[in-house]
């Protein structure tokens, strides 16, 4: 067998091998596109379930977290607690900024930048109720305004009659 026939046979063998590999690659690409289509269907179903849960007001099921390793440090907290009474002070300054015309609960929530934060909105409502009860603010026609001098200072300093 001479060199030329060896080269021809090798070229033929390599061409057949290339053709087999290309055929296999085409099959794998087809399988991959089928799998991607299945993933798209599953993602659509999950989105529909999540939309349904959101419409009903239910929170989606919590994702499970992996347990921390024993030697791993505890994660740092990202939120800090507020100082007691600081929300009331913020509310009083927000009401004072609106002047004698007063401001509604929604305006106070927007001024304090807690719109959309349920716990923040609840703390504003609780503080407004406490301020109204103490006489520091008045509530008329759905608007809160600073109380006049006597009512605002009555809570701060005990009167002569109660001493």
N, C-alpha and C. Protein backbone atom coordinates (compact mmCIF):
# COMPACT_ATOMS: atom_id res chain seq x y z
N UNK A 1 0.84 -1.17 0.00
CA UNK A 1 0.00 0.00 0.00
C UNK A 1 0.89 1.23 0.00
N UNK A 2 0.62 2.10 -0.92
CA UNK A 2 1.47 3.27 -1.02
C UNK A 2 0.91 4.43 -0.18
N UNK A 3 1.65 5.46 -0.12
CA UNK A 3 1.32 6.61 0.73
C UNK A 3 0.03 7.29 0.26
N UNK A 4 -0.14 7.40 -1.05
CA UNK A 4 -1.30 8.08 -1.59
C UNK A 4 -2.59 7.36 -1.19
N UNK A 5 -2.65 6.09 -1.24
CA UNK A 5 -3.85 5.35 -0.85
C UNK A 5 -4.10 5.44 0.66
N UNK A 6 -3.04 5.49 1.43
CA UNK A 6 -3.20 5.67 2.88
C UNK A 6 -3.84 7.02 3.18
N UNK A 7 -3.39 8.06 2.51
CA UNK A 7 -3.94 9.40 2.71
C UNK A 7 -5.41 9.42 2.29
N UNK A 8 -5.73 8.80 1.18
CA UNK A 8 -7.11 8.77 0.70
C UNK A 8 -8.01 8.03 1.69
N UNK A 9 -7.54 6.91 2.20
CA UNK A 9 -8.33 6.16 3.17
C UNK A 9 -8.52 6.95 4.47
N UNK A 10 -7.47 7.63 4.89
CA UNK A 10 -7.56 8.45 6.12
C UNK A 10 -8.54 9.60 5.93
N UNK A 11 -8.52 10.24 4.76
CA UNK A 11 -9.46 11.32 4.48
C UNK A 11 -10.90 10.79 4.51
N UNK A 12 -11.10 9.61 3.95
CA UNK A 12 -12.42 9.01 3.92
C UNK A 12 -12.89 8.69 5.35
N UNK A 13 -12.01 8.12 6.17
CA UNK A 13 -12.35 7.79 7.55
C UNK A 13 -12.68 9.05 8.35
N UNK A 14 -11.88 10.11 8.19
CA UNK A 14 -12.13 11.37 8.91
C UNK A 14 -13.43 12.02 8.46
N UNK A 15 -13.76 11.95 7.17
CA UNK A 15 -15.01 12.51 6.66
C UNK A 15 -16.20 11.78 7.28
N UNK A 16 -16.12 10.46 7.39
CA UNK A 16 -17.20 9.68 7.99
C UNK A 16 -17.34 10.02 9.48
N UNK A 17 -16.21 10.17 10.14
CA UNK A 17 -16.23 10.51 11.57
C UNK A 17 -16.84 11.90 11.77
N UNK A 18 -16.47 12.84 10.91
CA UNK A 18 -17.01 14.20 10.98
C UNK A 18 -18.53 14.16 10.77
N UNK A 19 -18.99 13.40 9.79
CA UNK A 19 -20.41 13.31 9.49
C UNK A 19 -21.17 12.72 10.68
N UNK A 20 -20.63 11.71 11.33
CA UNK A 20 -21.27 11.10 12.49
C UNK A 20 -21.36 12.09 13.66
N UNK A 21 -20.30 12.85 13.86
CA UNK A 21 -20.28 13.83 14.95
C UNK A 21 -21.28 14.95 14.66
N UNK A 22 -21.35 15.43 13.42
CA UNK A 22 -22.30 16.48 13.07
C UNK A 22 -23.74 16.01 13.25
N UNK A 23 -24.01 14.75 12.89
CA UNK A 23 -25.35 14.18 13.07
C UNK A 23 -25.70 14.13 14.56
N UNK A 24 -24.74 13.69 15.38
CA UNK A 24 -24.96 13.61 16.83
C UNK A 24 -25.17 15.00 17.42
N UNK A 25 -24.40 15.99 16.96
CA UNK A 25 -24.55 17.36 17.45
C UNK A 25 -25.93 17.91 17.10
N UNK A 26 -26.43 17.60 15.91
CA UNK A 26 -27.77 18.05 15.50
C UNK A 26 -28.83 17.43 16.42
N UNK A 27 -28.68 16.15 16.73
CA UNK A 27 -29.62 15.49 17.63
C UNK A 27 -29.60 16.12 19.02
N UNK A 28 -28.41 16.41 19.52
CA UNK A 28 -28.27 17.01 20.85
C UNK A 28 -28.88 18.41 20.86
N UNK A 29 -28.66 19.20 19.80
CA UNK A 29 -29.24 20.53 19.72
C UNK A 29 -30.77 20.45 19.71
N UNK A 30 -31.31 19.46 19.03
CA UNK A 30 -32.76 19.26 19.01
C UNK A 30 -33.28 18.93 20.41
N UNK A 31 -32.57 18.05 21.11
CA UNK A 31 -32.96 17.71 22.48
C UNK A 31 -32.89 18.93 23.38
N UNK A 32 -31.85 19.73 23.20
CA UNK A 32 -31.67 20.94 24.01
C UNK A 32 -32.81 21.92 23.79
N UNK A 33 -33.21 22.11 22.54
CA UNK A 33 -34.32 23.03 22.27
C UNK A 33 -35.62 22.49 22.86
N UNK A 34 -35.83 21.16 22.84
CA UNK A 34 -37.00 20.57 23.47
C UNK A 34 -36.99 20.81 24.98
N UNK A 35 -35.83 20.63 25.60
CA UNK A 35 -35.71 20.86 27.04
C UNK A 35 -35.95 22.32 27.40
N UNK A 36 -35.45 23.23 26.59
CA UNK A 36 -35.67 24.66 26.84
C UNK A 36 -37.16 24.99 26.72
N UNK A 37 -37.84 24.39 25.76
CA UNK A 37 -39.28 24.61 25.61
C UNK A 37 -40.03 24.11 26.85
N UNK A 38 -39.62 22.96 27.37
CA UNK A 38 -40.24 22.44 28.59
C UNK A 38 -40.00 23.38 29.77
N UNK A 39 -38.78 23.92 29.87
CA UNK A 39 -38.47 24.88 30.94
C UNK A 39 -39.33 26.12 30.82
N UNK A 40 -39.56 26.60 29.61
CA UNK A 40 -40.41 27.78 29.40
C UNK A 40 -41.84 27.50 29.86
N UNK A 41 -42.34 26.31 29.58
CA UNK A 41 -43.70 25.94 30.01
C UNK A 41 -43.77 25.93 31.53
N UNK A 42 -42.77 25.33 32.17
CA UNK A 42 -42.75 25.26 33.64
C UNK A 42 -42.66 26.67 34.23
N UNK A 43 -41.82 27.52 33.66
CA UNK A 43 -41.69 28.89 34.16
C UNK A 43 -43.02 29.63 34.03
N UNK A 44 -43.73 29.42 32.94
CA UNK A 44 -45.03 30.06 32.76
C UNK A 44 -46.04 29.59 33.79
N UNK A 45 -46.03 28.29 34.08
CA UNK A 45 -46.94 27.76 35.09
C UNK A 45 -46.62 28.31 36.48
N UNK A 46 -45.33 28.41 36.80
CA UNK A 46 -44.93 28.97 38.09
C UNK A 46 -45.34 30.44 38.20
N UNK A 47 -45.19 31.19 37.12
CA UNK A 47 -45.59 32.60 37.13
C UNK A 47 -47.09 32.72 37.32
N UNK A 48 -47.86 31.83 36.70
CA UNK A 48 -49.31 31.87 36.86
C UNK A 48 -49.72 31.56 38.30
N UNK A 49 -49.04 30.59 38.91
CA UNK A 49 -49.34 30.26 40.31
C UNK A 49 -49.00 31.43 41.22
N UNK A 50 -47.86 32.06 40.98
CA UNK A 50 -47.45 33.21 41.81
C UNK A 50 -48.42 34.37 41.63
N UNK A 51 -48.88 34.62 40.40
CA UNK A 51 -49.85 35.68 40.16
C UNK A 51 -51.16 35.38 40.88
N UNK A 52 -51.57 34.13 40.87
CA UNK A 52 -52.79 33.72 41.56
C UNK A 52 -52.65 33.96 43.07
N UNK A 53 -51.50 33.56 43.63
CA UNK A 53 -51.29 33.76 45.06
C UNK A 53 -51.25 35.24 45.42
N UNK A 54 -50.64 36.05 44.58
CA UNK A 54 -50.58 37.49 44.84
C UNK A 54 -51.97 38.10 44.75
N UNK A 55 -52.80 37.63 43.82
CA UNK A 55 -54.15 38.16 43.67
C UNK A 55 -55.00 37.80 44.88
N UNK A 56 -54.76 36.64 45.47
CA UNK A 56 -55.52 36.22 46.65
C UNK A 56 -54.96 36.83 47.92
N UNK A 57 -53.83 37.48 47.83
CA UNK A 57 -53.23 38.10 49.00
C UNK A 57 -52.38 37.15 49.81
N UNK A 58 -52.10 35.98 49.26
CA UNK A 58 -51.26 35.01 49.96
C UNK A 58 -49.82 35.23 49.57
N UNK A 59 -48.95 35.05 50.52
CA UNK A 59 -47.53 35.15 50.21
C UNK A 59 -47.09 33.84 49.57
N UNK A 60 -46.19 33.89 48.60
CA UNK A 60 -45.69 32.64 48.03
C UNK A 60 -44.96 31.82 49.09
N UNK A 61 -44.91 30.54 48.87
CA UNK A 61 -44.26 29.66 49.84
C UNK A 61 -42.81 30.08 50.00
N UNK A 62 -42.33 30.14 51.24
CA UNK A 62 -40.94 30.56 51.44
C UNK A 62 -39.98 29.52 50.89
N UNK A 63 -38.92 30.02 50.36
CA UNK A 63 -37.89 29.13 49.84
C UNK A 63 -37.08 28.61 51.01
N UNK A 64 -36.72 27.36 50.92
CA UNK A 64 -35.93 26.77 52.00
C UNK A 64 -34.50 27.25 51.91
N UNK A 65 -33.95 27.53 53.06
CA UNK A 65 -32.57 27.99 53.10
C UNK A 65 -31.69 26.86 53.59
N UNK A 66 -30.50 26.84 53.07
CA UNK A 66 -29.55 25.84 53.54
C UNK A 66 -29.09 26.22 54.94
N UNK A 67 -28.90 25.22 55.75
CA UNK A 67 -28.44 25.46 57.11
C UNK A 67 -27.01 25.99 57.08
N UNK A 68 -26.73 26.91 58.01
CA UNK A 68 -25.38 27.44 58.12
C UNK A 68 -24.48 26.39 58.71
N UNK A 69 -23.24 26.42 58.31
CA UNK A 69 -22.27 25.53 58.93
C UNK A 69 -22.01 26.02 60.34
N UNK A 70 -21.65 25.11 61.21
CA UNK A 70 -21.46 25.45 62.62
C UNK A 70 -20.37 26.49 62.81
N UNK A 71 -19.35 26.48 61.96
CA UNK A 71 -18.25 27.42 62.14
C UNK A 71 -18.49 28.75 61.43
N UNK A 72 -19.59 28.86 60.68
CA UNK A 72 -19.87 30.11 59.96
C UNK A 72 -20.45 31.13 60.93
N UNK A 73 -20.04 32.39 60.82
CA UNK A 73 -20.58 33.41 61.71
C UNK A 73 -22.03 33.73 61.34
N UNK A 74 -22.77 34.20 62.31
CA UNK A 74 -24.16 34.58 62.07
C UNK A 74 -24.18 35.80 61.15
N UNK A 75 -25.16 35.88 60.26
CA UNK A 75 -25.21 37.03 59.36
C UNK A 75 -25.53 38.31 60.14
N UNK A 76 -24.95 39.40 59.70
CA UNK A 76 -25.18 40.69 60.35
C UNK A 76 -26.58 41.18 60.01
N UNK A 77 -27.25 41.80 60.97
CA UNK A 77 -28.58 42.33 60.70
C UNK A 77 -28.45 43.59 59.87
N UNK A 78 -29.41 43.77 58.97
CA UNK A 78 -29.33 44.92 58.08
C UNK A 78 -30.15 46.10 58.57
N UNK A 79 -31.06 45.86 59.52
CA UNK A 79 -31.89 46.96 60.01
C UNK A 79 -31.53 47.25 61.45
N UNK A 80 -31.68 48.50 61.81
CA UNK A 80 -31.42 48.91 63.18
C UNK A 80 -32.71 49.41 63.78
N UNK A 81 -32.86 49.20 65.06
CA UNK A 81 -34.08 49.66 65.73
C UNK A 81 -34.02 51.16 65.91
N UNK A 82 -35.20 51.76 65.86
CA UNK A 82 -35.29 53.20 66.05
C UNK A 82 -35.30 53.51 67.54
N UNK A 83 -34.94 54.69 67.85
CA UNK A 83 -34.98 55.15 69.22
C UNK A 83 -36.43 55.37 69.63
N UNK A 84 -36.76 55.03 70.85
CA UNK A 84 -38.14 55.14 71.31
C UNK A 84 -38.62 56.58 71.22
N UNK A 85 -39.77 56.79 70.59
CA UNK A 85 -40.35 58.12 70.46
C UNK A 85 -39.88 58.89 69.24
N UNK A 86 -38.96 58.33 68.47
CA UNK A 86 -38.45 59.07 67.31
C UNK A 86 -39.50 59.19 66.22
N UNK A 87 -40.38 58.19 66.08
CA UNK A 87 -41.43 58.26 65.06
C UNK A 87 -42.38 59.41 65.39
N UNK A 88 -42.73 59.58 66.67
CA UNK A 88 -43.62 60.68 67.07
C UNK A 88 -42.99 62.03 66.75
N UNK A 89 -41.69 62.16 67.01
CA UNK A 89 -41.01 63.42 66.71
C UNK A 89 -41.02 63.70 65.21
N UNK A 90 -40.81 62.67 64.41
CA UNK A 90 -40.85 62.85 62.95
C UNK A 90 -42.24 63.28 62.50
N UNK A 91 -43.26 62.67 63.08
CA UNK A 91 -44.63 63.01 62.70
C UNK A 91 -44.96 64.44 63.10
N UNK A 92 -44.56 64.84 64.29
CA UNK A 92 -44.82 66.22 64.73
C UNK A 92 -44.14 67.22 63.81
N UNK A 93 -42.91 66.94 63.40
CA UNK A 93 -42.22 67.88 62.50
C UNK A 93 -42.87 67.88 61.12
N UNK A 94 -43.38 66.73 60.66
CA UNK A 94 -44.06 66.69 59.37
C UNK A 94 -45.36 67.47 59.42
N UNK A 95 -46.11 67.32 60.51
CA UNK A 95 -47.37 68.07 60.65
C UNK A 95 -47.08 69.56 60.75
N UNK A 96 -46.04 69.93 61.48
CA UNK A 96 -45.68 71.34 61.61
C UNK A 96 -45.28 71.93 60.27
N UNK A 97 -44.65 71.12 59.41
CA UNK A 97 -44.23 71.62 58.10
C UNK A 97 -45.43 71.95 57.22
N UNK A 98 -46.55 71.26 57.42
CA UNK A 98 -47.74 71.54 56.62
C UNK A 98 -48.52 72.73 57.15
N UNK A 99 -48.22 73.17 58.36
CA UNK A 99 -48.83 74.38 58.89
C UNK A 99 -50.23 74.16 59.43
N UNK A 100 -51.00 75.26 59.54
CA UNK A 100 -52.32 75.24 60.16
C UNK A 100 -53.36 74.52 59.33
N UNK A 101 -53.11 74.36 58.02
CA UNK A 101 -54.10 73.68 57.18
C UNK A 101 -54.20 72.21 57.52
N UNK A 102 -53.16 71.64 58.07
CA UNK A 102 -53.17 70.23 58.45
C UNK A 102 -52.82 69.33 57.29
N UNK A 103 -52.70 68.06 57.60
CA UNK A 103 -52.33 67.08 56.60
C UNK A 103 -52.98 65.75 56.96
N UNK A 104 -53.35 64.99 55.95
CA UNK A 104 -53.95 63.68 56.17
C UNK A 104 -52.90 62.63 56.48
N UNK A 105 -53.37 61.46 56.88
CA UNK A 105 -52.48 60.35 57.20
C UNK A 105 -51.61 59.98 56.01
N UNK A 106 -52.20 59.98 54.82
CA UNK A 106 -51.45 59.64 53.61
C UNK A 106 -50.32 60.62 53.34
N UNK A 107 -50.58 61.91 53.58
CA UNK A 107 -49.54 62.92 53.39
C UNK A 107 -48.39 62.74 54.36
N UNK A 108 -48.72 62.35 55.59
CA UNK A 108 -47.67 62.11 56.58
C UNK A 108 -46.85 60.89 56.18
N UNK A 109 -47.53 59.85 55.72
CA UNK A 109 -46.83 58.63 55.30
C UNK A 109 -45.89 58.94 54.14
N UNK A 110 -46.34 59.75 53.19
CA UNK A 110 -45.47 60.12 52.07
C UNK A 110 -44.31 60.99 52.54
N UNK A 111 -44.59 61.92 53.47
CA UNK A 111 -43.54 62.81 53.96
C UNK A 111 -42.45 62.03 54.70
N UNK A 112 -42.86 60.95 55.38
CA UNK A 112 -41.89 60.14 56.12
C UNK A 112 -41.30 59.03 55.26
N UNK A 113 -41.73 58.96 54.02
CA UNK A 113 -41.19 58.00 53.05
C UNK A 113 -41.38 56.55 53.52
N UNK A 114 -42.59 56.23 54.00
CA UNK A 114 -42.89 54.86 54.40
C UNK A 114 -44.04 54.28 53.57
N UNK A 115 -44.36 54.91 52.46
CA UNK A 115 -45.44 54.41 51.61
C UNK A 115 -45.04 53.05 51.05
N UNK A 116 -45.93 52.07 51.19
CA UNK A 116 -45.65 50.73 50.73
C UNK A 116 -45.04 49.83 51.79
N UNK A 117 -44.63 50.42 52.91
CA UNK A 117 -44.05 49.66 54.01
C UNK A 117 -45.13 49.48 55.08
N UNK A 118 -45.71 48.28 55.14
CA UNK A 118 -46.85 48.07 56.04
C UNK A 118 -46.51 48.35 57.49
N UNK A 119 -45.36 47.89 57.95
CA UNK A 119 -45.02 48.11 59.35
C UNK A 119 -44.74 49.60 59.61
N UNK A 120 -44.15 50.28 58.64
CA UNK A 120 -43.92 51.72 58.78
C UNK A 120 -45.23 52.49 58.83
N UNK A 121 -46.18 52.11 57.98
CA UNK A 121 -47.49 52.77 57.97
C UNK A 121 -48.23 52.51 59.28
N UNK A 122 -48.11 51.29 59.80
CA UNK A 122 -48.76 50.98 61.06
C UNK A 122 -48.15 51.77 62.20
N UNK A 123 -46.84 51.95 62.18
CA UNK A 123 -46.20 52.73 63.25
C UNK A 123 -46.64 54.19 63.19
N UNK A 124 -46.86 54.71 61.96
CA UNK A 124 -47.37 56.08 61.82
C UNK A 124 -48.77 56.17 62.41
N UNK A 125 -49.63 55.20 62.09
CA UNK A 125 -51.00 55.20 62.62
C UNK A 125 -51.00 55.12 64.14
N UNK A 126 -50.16 54.24 64.69
CA UNK A 126 -50.09 54.11 66.14
C UNK A 126 -49.60 55.40 66.79
N UNK A 127 -48.59 56.02 66.21
CA UNK A 127 -48.05 57.26 66.77
C UNK A 127 -49.07 58.39 66.66
N UNK A 128 -49.81 58.45 65.54
CA UNK A 128 -50.84 59.48 65.39
C UNK A 128 -51.93 59.32 66.45
N UNK A 129 -52.33 58.08 66.71
CA UNK A 129 -53.34 57.84 67.74
C UNK A 129 -52.83 58.27 69.11
N UNK A 130 -51.58 57.97 69.41
CA UNK A 130 -51.01 58.36 70.70
C UNK A 130 -50.89 59.88 70.81
N UNK A 131 -50.47 60.53 69.72
CA UNK A 131 -50.34 61.99 69.74
C UNK A 131 -51.71 62.66 69.88
N UNK A 132 -52.71 62.10 69.24
CA UNK A 132 -54.07 62.64 69.35
C UNK A 132 -54.59 62.45 70.77
N UNK A 133 -54.34 61.28 71.35
CA UNK A 133 -54.79 61.00 72.70
C UNK A 133 -54.11 61.91 73.72
N UNK A 134 -52.84 62.19 73.49
CA UNK A 134 -52.11 63.05 74.42
C UNK A 134 -52.44 64.53 74.23
N UNK A 135 -53.09 64.86 73.10
CA UNK A 135 -53.47 66.24 72.86
C UNK A 135 -52.42 67.04 72.11
N UNK A 136 -51.39 66.40 71.63
CA UNK A 136 -50.34 67.12 70.90
C UNK A 136 -50.81 67.51 69.50
N UNK A 137 -51.72 66.73 68.93
CA UNK A 137 -52.27 67.05 67.62
C UNK A 137 -53.79 66.96 67.69
N UNK A 138 -54.43 67.64 66.76
CA UNK A 138 -55.88 67.56 66.63
C UNK A 138 -56.22 66.90 65.32
N UNK A 139 -57.38 66.27 65.27
CA UNK A 139 -57.82 65.57 64.07
C UNK A 139 -59.19 66.10 63.71
N UNK A 140 -59.28 66.78 62.57
CA UNK A 140 -60.54 67.36 62.14
C UNK A 140 -60.67 67.20 60.64
N UNK A 141 -61.80 66.69 60.19
CA UNK A 141 -62.08 66.48 58.77
C UNK A 141 -60.99 65.65 58.09
N UNK A 142 -60.48 64.64 58.78
CA UNK A 142 -59.50 63.75 58.19
C UNK A 142 -58.10 64.32 58.11
N UNK A 143 -57.87 65.48 58.75
CA UNK A 143 -56.54 66.09 58.71
C UNK A 143 -56.02 66.28 60.12
N UNK A 144 -54.73 66.08 60.25
CA UNK A 144 -54.06 66.28 61.53
C UNK A 144 -53.36 67.63 61.51
N UNK A 145 -53.47 68.37 62.62
CA UNK A 145 -52.80 69.66 62.74
C UNK A 145 -52.23 69.76 64.15
N UNK A 146 -51.28 70.65 64.32
CA UNK A 146 -50.70 70.86 65.64
C UNK A 146 -51.78 71.44 66.55
N UNK A 147 -51.82 70.98 67.79
CA UNK A 147 -52.80 71.47 68.74
C UNK A 147 -52.41 72.89 69.15
N UNK A 148 -53.40 73.64 69.60
CA UNK A 148 -53.11 74.99 70.06
C UNK A 148 -52.30 74.92 71.34
N UNK A 149 -51.73 76.01 71.77
CA UNK A 149 -50.77 76.06 72.87
C UNK A 149 -51.19 75.34 74.14
N UNK A 150 -52.41 75.53 74.64
CA UNK A 150 -52.80 74.94 75.92
C UNK A 150 -52.85 73.41 75.85
N UNK A 151 -53.43 72.87 74.80
CA UNK A 151 -53.58 71.42 74.71
C UNK A 151 -52.23 70.73 74.49
N UNK A 152 -51.36 71.38 73.73
CA UNK A 152 -50.07 70.77 73.42
C UNK A 152 -49.17 70.73 74.64
N UNK A 153 -49.25 71.75 75.48
CA UNK A 153 -48.37 71.79 76.65
C UNK A 153 -48.98 71.10 77.85
N UNK A 154 -50.27 70.78 77.80
CA UNK A 154 -50.92 70.14 78.95
C UNK A 154 -50.32 68.77 79.23
N UNK A 155 -49.96 68.06 78.19
CA UNK A 155 -49.38 66.73 78.39
C UNK A 155 -47.93 66.82 78.84
N UNK A 156 -47.24 67.86 78.40
CA UNK A 156 -45.81 67.99 78.69
C UNK A 156 -45.57 68.36 80.15
N UNK A 157 -46.38 69.27 80.71
CA UNK A 157 -46.17 69.71 82.08
C UNK A 157 -47.46 69.51 82.87
N UNK A 158 -47.40 68.91 84.05
CA UNK A 158 -48.61 68.72 84.84
C UNK A 158 -49.15 70.07 85.30
N UNK A 159 -50.46 70.18 85.32
CA UNK A 159 -51.08 71.46 85.70
C UNK A 159 -51.02 71.63 87.22
N UNK A 160 -51.31 72.83 87.66
CA UNK A 160 -51.26 73.13 89.09
C UNK A 160 -52.35 72.36 89.83
N UNK A 161 -53.46 72.06 89.16
CA UNK A 161 -54.56 71.36 89.82
C UNK A 161 -54.20 69.90 90.12
N UNK A 162 -53.31 69.31 89.34
CA UNK A 162 -52.98 67.91 89.56
C UNK A 162 -51.77 67.71 90.46
N UNK A 163 -51.11 68.79 90.88
CA UNK A 163 -49.91 68.65 91.72
C UNK A 163 -50.25 68.33 93.13
